């Protein structure tokens, strides 16, 4: 079983701490077995969590042997990282452990030097400060998360959910991730490259938006050769209005959303059926197997065949 160690530093933000605990703890494999074992680790038995004090069951030694270490955000991101916590994170990295930060958890992770020369993100309000304190880190304030392989960072609040679901999808495939997303009442639409919603008035997710019926219709018609004009006609708006409002409410363009939805459906079919790739390409609306393979690899980083070998 995959072990996730959540590092609770002093003044940890409760939301950031609870996100990986809840998401990973509730993840179930197709046969009903839990996908993860989660443990909370801290330097001291009691940790200041702002509104309350929490008691951790594991010390920093709990990071040893974990497959993934999560560093949640803290209310004091510029507070010095203790030598003990720094050494524990460096030792985990040296062992090949995957390490991910949520929100301002990027600050203590950057303080170890592990992010030097890499792209990273954090809450948009803290991005300038992160860049100033750690000039060797390329700070991208416009994304939900950044995946550098063994080192991952996410933006604030709900972006931590996006990052957790992204890791679950990488560990166990899209079907398990989709089930975890349903339990979290969280969509899989939000990709890591989607802009953080800094100034938009609309909710960053499709649920409850005026385009929710359109998105449901698109999901039910992935096999059709749909154009932006078709989408606008179904939504009862002009193409110009569709483009503007769609991006405001989903963070992406209508065609980009459609491509991602088709790839997600293809992932599900690759995992749960033995249909040949050519048939799956047709089922999810790509004009040719070649176009499907190109789009699938651009989105997931692997070919459909390689994906099926891993998760089928």
Protein backbone atom coordinates (compact mmCIF):
# COMPACT_ATOMS: atom_id res chain seq x y z
CA UNK A 1 0.00 0.00 0.00
CA UNK A 2 1.17 3.53 -0.81
CA UNK A 3 2.08 5.47 2.35
CA UNK A 4 1.49 9.23 2.55
CA UNK A 5 3.19 11.18 5.34
CA UNK A 6 1.72 14.62 6.00
CA UNK A 7 4.19 16.96 7.71
CA UNK A 8 2.45 19.26 10.21
CA UNK A 9 4.75 22.22 10.82
CA UNK A 10 4.06 24.84 13.48
CA UNK A 11 1.11 27.12 12.57
CA UNK A 12 -0.07 24.69 9.93
CA UNK A 13 -3.18 25.78 8.05
CA UNK A 14 -5.95 23.31 9.02
CA UNK A 15 -7.54 23.27 5.55
CA UNK A 16 -4.24 22.45 3.87
CA UNK A 17 -3.53 19.76 6.46
CA UNK A 18 -6.93 18.09 6.19
CA UNK A 19 -7.03 18.06 2.37
CA UNK A 20 -4.48 15.26 1.78
CA UNK A 21 -5.64 13.39 4.89
CA UNK A 22 -9.24 13.23 3.68
CA UNK A 23 -8.59 12.72 -0.04
CA UNK A 24 -5.98 9.99 0.29
CA UNK A 25 -7.69 8.26 3.24
CA UNK A 26 -10.92 7.88 1.28
CA UNK A 27 -9.33 6.62 -1.95
CA UNK A 28 -10.42 3.09 -2.79
CA UNK A 29 -9.11 0.70 -5.43
CA UNK A 30 -11.51 -1.16 -7.76
CA UNK A 31 -11.51 -4.20 -5.44
CA UNK A 32 -12.43 -2.05 -2.43
CA UNK A 33 -8.99 -1.99 -0.81
CA UNK A 34 -7.67 1.35 0.44
CA UNK A 35 -5.17 2.92 -1.93
CA UNK A 36 -3.21 4.80 0.70
CA UNK A 37 -2.15 4.71 4.31
CA UNK A 38 -1.92 8.23 5.75
CA UNK A 39 0.08 9.33 8.77
CA UNK A 40 0.54 12.80 10.26
CA UNK A 41 4.08 13.63 11.36
CA UNK A 42 5.42 16.53 13.42
CA UNK A 43 8.54 17.64 15.24
CA UNK A 44 6.71 17.78 18.57
CA UNK A 45 3.71 15.84 19.94
CA UNK A 46 1.55 18.98 19.81
CA UNK A 47 1.36 21.43 16.91
CA UNK A 48 -0.11 24.95 16.85
CA UNK A 49 -2.84 24.94 14.17
CA UNK A 50 -4.18 28.42 14.87
CA UNK A 51 -7.70 27.88 16.12
CA UNK A 52 -6.70 24.68 17.90
CA UNK A 53 -3.77 22.50 18.88
CA UNK A 54 -3.38 19.12 17.18
CA UNK A 55 -1.63 16.03 18.46
CA UNK A 56 0.39 14.10 15.88
CA UNK A 57 0.84 10.35 16.22
CA UNK A 58 4.20 10.30 14.42
CA UNK A 59 7.48 12.17 14.76
CA UNK A 60 9.72 13.22 11.88
CA UNK A 61 10.83 9.59 11.71
CA UNK A 62 7.41 8.95 10.17
CA UNK A 63 8.71 10.47 6.93
CA UNK A 64 11.13 7.58 6.57
CA UNK A 65 9.82 4.88 4.28
CA UNK A 66 6.87 6.96 3.06
CA UNK A 67 6.13 6.89 -0.66
CA UNK A 68 4.85 10.47 -0.61
CA UNK A 69 5.45 13.37 1.77
CA UNK A 70 3.00 16.29 1.79
CA UNK A 71 3.97 19.70 3.19
CA UNK A 72 0.80 21.73 3.92
CA UNK A 73 0.85 25.51 4.09
CA UNK A 74 1.50 27.46 7.26
CA UNK A 75 0.25 30.82 8.51
CA UNK A 76 3.88 31.94 8.87
CA UNK A 77 5.51 30.88 5.59
CA UNK A 78 8.69 32.90 6.21
CA UNK A 79 9.35 31.27 9.58
CA UNK A 80 12.73 29.50 9.50
CA UNK A 81 12.62 25.79 8.82
CA UNK A 82 14.22 23.94 11.71
CA UNK A 83 17.37 21.97 10.95
CA UNK A 84 15.59 18.77 11.97
CA UNK A 85 12.68 19.30 9.55
CA UNK A 86 15.07 20.33 6.79
CA UNK A 87 17.18 17.21 7.21
CA UNK A 88 14.09 15.00 7.29
CA UNK A 89 12.84 16.44 3.98
CA UNK A 90 16.28 16.19 2.37
CA UNK A 91 16.62 12.61 3.54
CA UNK A 92 13.21 11.76 2.08
CA UNK A 93 14.20 13.32 -1.25
CA UNK A 94 17.47 11.40 -1.25
CA UNK A 95 15.50 8.19 -0.79
CA UNK A 96 13.46 8.97 -3.90
CA UNK A 97 10.30 9.90 -2.00
CA UNK A 98 7.77 12.02 -3.86
CA UNK A 99 7.38 15.35 -2.04
CA UNK A 100 4.49 17.75 -2.64
CA UNK A 101 3.55 21.07 -1.09
CA UNK A 102 0.17 22.71 -0.72
CA UNK A 103 -0.28 26.50 -0.77
CA UNK A 104 2.45 28.21 1.32
CA UNK A 105 3.96 24.82 2.04
CA UNK A 106 6.12 25.69 -0.97
CA UNK A 107 8.11 28.04 1.30
CA UNK A 108 9.54 25.39 3.67
CA UNK A 109 10.06 23.07 0.72
CA UNK A 110 11.97 25.80 -1.13
CA UNK A 111 14.00 26.48 2.02
CA UNK A 112 15.56 23.02 1.65
CA UNK A 113 16.98 23.98 -1.75
CA UNK A 114 15.15 21.11 -3.42
CA UNK A 115 13.23 23.46 -5.71
CA UNK A 116 16.28 25.38 -6.93
CA UNK A 117 16.31 25.49 -10.72
CA UNK A 118 12.75 24.20 -10.91
CA UNK A 119 9.36 25.73 -11.68
CA UNK A 120 7.00 25.98 -8.70
CA UNK A 121 3.81 27.67 -7.58
CA UNK A 122 2.11 28.80 -4.38
CA UNK A 123 -0.87 30.91 -3.41
CA UNK A 124 -0.97 33.89 -5.75
CA UNK A 125 -0.84 36.35 -2.84
CA UNK A 126 2.50 34.88 -1.74
CA UNK A 127 4.07 34.37 -5.18
CA UNK A 128 6.11 37.58 -5.22
CA UNK A 129 7.42 36.89 -1.74
CA UNK A 130 8.41 33.35 -2.69
CA UNK A 131 10.27 34.64 -5.75
CA UNK A 132 12.07 37.27 -3.66
CA UNK A 133 13.13 34.85 -0.94
CA UNK A 134 14.11 32.06 -3.32
CA UNK A 135 15.42 33.60 -6.56
CA UNK A 136 16.69 30.23 -7.80
CA UNK A 137 13.10 28.98 -8.00
CA UNK A 138 11.04 29.87 -11.09
CA UNK A 139 7.75 30.94 -9.55
CA UNK A 140 4.63 30.57 -11.72
CA UNK A 141 1.65 32.25 -10.01
CA UNK A 142 -0.80 31.42 -12.82
CA UNK A 143 -1.24 27.66 -12.40
CA UNK A 144 -3.01 25.35 -9.97
CA UNK A 145 -0.07 23.00 -9.56
CA UNK A 146 3.34 22.16 -11.01
CA UNK A 147 4.55 18.58 -11.40
CA UNK A 148 8.33 18.18 -11.65
CA UNK A 149 8.20 14.42 -11.23
CA UNK A 150 9.32 13.73 -7.65
CA UNK A 151 8.70 17.32 -6.55
CA UNK A 152 5.26 18.93 -6.88
CA UNK A 153 3.80 22.23 -5.69
CA UNK A 154 0.28 23.61 -5.66
CA UNK A 155 -1.48 26.92 -5.27
CA UNK A 156 -3.83 27.79 -2.42
CA UNK A 157 -6.93 26.19 -0.93
CA UNK A 158 -8.82 24.03 -3.46
CA UNK A 159 -5.70 23.68 -5.64
CA UNK A 160 -4.46 21.23 -3.03
CA UNK A 161 -7.39 19.01 -3.97
CA UNK A 162 -6.41 19.27 -7.63
CA UNK A 163 -2.87 18.23 -6.80
CA UNK A 164 -3.99 15.26 -4.68
CA UNK A 165 -6.31 14.03 -7.44
CA UNK A 166 -3.50 14.49 -9.97
CA UNK A 167 -1.23 12.27 -7.88
CA UNK A 168 -3.95 9.64 -7.42
CA UNK A 169 -4.49 9.58 -11.19
CA UNK A 170 -0.76 9.05 -11.69
CA UNK A 171 -0.64 6.28 -9.07
CA UNK A 172 -3.80 4.34 -9.90
CA UNK A 173 -5.34 5.74 -13.10
CA UNK A 174 -8.25 7.98 -13.95
CA UNK A 175 -11.02 5.61 -12.79
CA UNK A 176 -9.73 5.56 -9.20
CA UNK A 177 -9.07 9.32 -9.35
CA UNK A 178 -12.59 9.94 -10.66
CA UNK A 179 -14.04 7.96 -7.75
CA UNK A 180 -11.92 9.96 -5.30
CA UNK A 181 -13.08 13.16 -6.99
CA UNK A 182 -16.72 12.16 -6.60
CA UNK A 183 -16.20 11.50 -2.89
CA UNK A 184 -14.59 14.95 -2.60
CA UNK A 185 -17.38 16.54 -4.70
CA UNK A 186 -14.57 17.82 -6.89
CA UNK A 187 -14.36 17.88 -10.70
CA UNK A 188 -11.45 16.50 -12.69
CA UNK A 189 -11.82 19.32 -15.25
CA UNK A 190 -9.31 21.62 -13.59
CA UNK A 191 -5.91 20.82 -15.08
CA UNK A 192 -2.61 21.91 -13.54
CA UNK A 193 -2.02 24.55 -16.20
CA UNK A 194 -5.32 26.30 -15.56
CA UNK A 195 -4.89 29.84 -14.31
CA UNK A 196 -5.43 30.57 -10.65
CA UNK A 197 -8.66 32.51 -10.27
CA UNK A 198 -7.29 35.75 -8.91
CA UNK A 199 -9.70 38.41 -10.15
CA UNK A 200 -12.59 36.51 -11.69
CA UNK A 201 -16.00 36.84 -10.09
CA UNK A 202 -17.16 33.43 -11.25
CA UNK A 203 -16.46 30.16 -9.46
CA UNK A 204 -13.44 28.34 -10.92
CA UNK A 205 -15.32 25.07 -11.34
CA UNK A 206 -18.26 24.28 -13.62
CA UNK A 207 -20.63 23.14 -10.85
CA UNK A 208 -23.51 25.56 -10.51
CA UNK A 209 -22.43 27.70 -13.43
CA UNK A 210 -24.75 28.76 -16.22
CA UNK A 211 -22.84 26.44 -18.56
CA UNK A 212 -23.36 23.32 -16.47
CA UNK A 213 -26.11 22.03 -18.84
CA UNK A 214 -23.80 22.64 -21.80
CA UNK A 215 -20.97 20.72 -20.14
CA UNK A 216 -23.30 17.80 -19.44
CA UNK A 217 -24.43 17.84 -23.09
CA UNK A 218 -20.84 17.89 -24.28
CA UNK A 219 -19.99 14.97 -22.01
CA UNK A 220 -22.87 12.98 -23.51
CA UNK A 221 -21.85 13.79 -27.08
CA UNK A 222 -18.09 13.34 -27.08
CA UNK A 223 -18.27 11.12 -30.16
CA UNK A 224 -19.77 13.86 -32.32
CA UNK A 225 -17.80 16.25 -34.50
CA UNK A 226 -18.70 19.35 -32.51
CA UNK A 227 -17.68 22.90 -33.34
CA UNK A 228 -17.73 26.06 -31.25
CA UNK A 229 -20.75 27.14 -33.30
CA UNK A 230 -22.55 23.93 -32.30
CA UNK A 231 -21.80 24.61 -28.64
CA UNK A 232 -22.95 28.22 -28.86
CA UNK A 233 -26.18 27.17 -30.56
CA UNK A 234 -26.89 24.59 -27.85
CA UNK A 235 -26.17 27.16 -25.12
CA UNK A 236 -28.31 29.77 -26.85
CA UNK A 237 -25.57 32.40 -27.04
CA UNK A 238 -23.30 33.85 -29.71
CA UNK A 239 -19.92 32.26 -30.32
CA UNK A 240 -18.21 35.38 -28.99
CA UNK A 241 -20.23 35.30 -25.76
CA UNK A 242 -19.60 31.58 -25.41
CA UNK A 243 -15.84 32.00 -25.72
CA UNK A 244 -15.71 34.81 -23.18
CA UNK A 245 -18.07 33.38 -20.57
CA UNK A 246 -16.81 29.81 -20.95
CA UNK A 247 -13.26 30.87 -20.10
CA UNK A 248 -14.49 32.98 -17.18
CA UNK A 249 -16.37 30.04 -15.70
CA UNK A 250 -14.06 27.12 -16.49
CA UNK A 251 -10.64 28.69 -17.00
CA UNK A 252 -10.21 27.26 -20.49
CA UNK A 253 -11.65 27.45 -23.99
CA UNK A 254 -14.62 25.33 -25.14
CA UNK A 255 -12.50 23.23 -27.53
CA UNK A 256 -9.76 22.72 -24.96
CA UNK A 257 -12.36 21.56 -22.43
CA UNK A 258 -13.78 19.18 -25.03
CA UNK A 259 -10.34 17.76 -25.85
CA UNK A 260 -9.64 17.12 -22.17
CA UNK A 261 -13.04 15.51 -21.66
CA UNK A 262 -12.38 13.22 -24.62
CA UNK A 263 -8.99 12.21 -23.26
CA UNK A 264 -10.48 11.50 -19.82
CA UNK A 265 -13.15 9.31 -21.40
CA UNK A 266 -10.45 7.57 -23.42
CA UNK A 267 -8.50 6.91 -20.22
CA UNK A 268 -11.58 5.28 -18.73
CA UNK A 269 -12.09 3.10 -21.81
CA UNK A 270 -8.43 2.11 -21.91
CA UNK A 271 -8.65 1.02 -18.28
CA UNK A 272 -12.00 -0.76 -18.36
CA UNK A 273 -12.34 -2.26 -21.87
CA UNK A 274 -10.28 -4.20 -24.39
CA UNK A 275 -11.40 -2.06 -27.31
CA UNK A 276 -8.59 -1.37 -29.77
CA UNK A 277 -7.17 2.13 -29.82
CA UNK A 278 -8.77 2.79 -33.22
CA UNK A 279 -12.23 2.07 -31.83
CA UNK A 280 -11.65 4.19 -28.73
CA UNK A 281 -10.52 7.08 -30.93
CA UNK A 282 -13.85 6.87 -32.74
CA UNK A 283 -15.85 6.50 -29.51
CA UNK A 284 -14.44 9.69 -28.04
CA UNK A 285 -14.80 11.78 -31.18
CA UNK A 286 -11.33 12.07 -32.66
CA UNK A 287 -11.23 12.22 -36.43
CA UNK A 288 -8.44 9.66 -36.77
CA UNK A 289 -6.37 7.32 -34.57
CA UNK A 290 -3.33 9.48 -35.31
CA UNK A 291 -5.03 12.63 -34.04
CA UNK A 292 -6.18 10.71 -30.98
CA UNK A 293 -2.70 9.40 -30.20
CA UNK A 294 -1.16 12.86 -30.60
CA UNK A 295 -3.73 14.55 -28.36
CA UNK A 296 -3.62 11.77 -25.75
CA UNK A 297 0.16 11.91 -25.48
CA UNK A 298 0.18 15.73 -25.31
CA UNK A 299 -2.34 15.62 -22.46
CA UNK A 300 -1.09 12.66 -20.43
CA UNK A 301 2.57 12.47 -21.42
CA UNK A 302 2.30 8.84 -22.58
CA UNK A 303 0.82 6.97 -25.52
CA UNK A 304 -2.59 5.23 -25.24
CA UNK A 305 -0.84 1.84 -25.40
CA UNK A 306 1.56 2.77 -22.60
CA UNK A 307 -1.33 4.08 -20.51
CA UNK A 308 -3.24 0.82 -20.95
CA UNK A 309 -0.19 -1.25 -20.00
CA UNK A 310 0.10 0.74 -16.77
CA UNK A 311 -3.55 1.02 -15.72
CA UNK A 312 -5.48 -1.49 -17.79
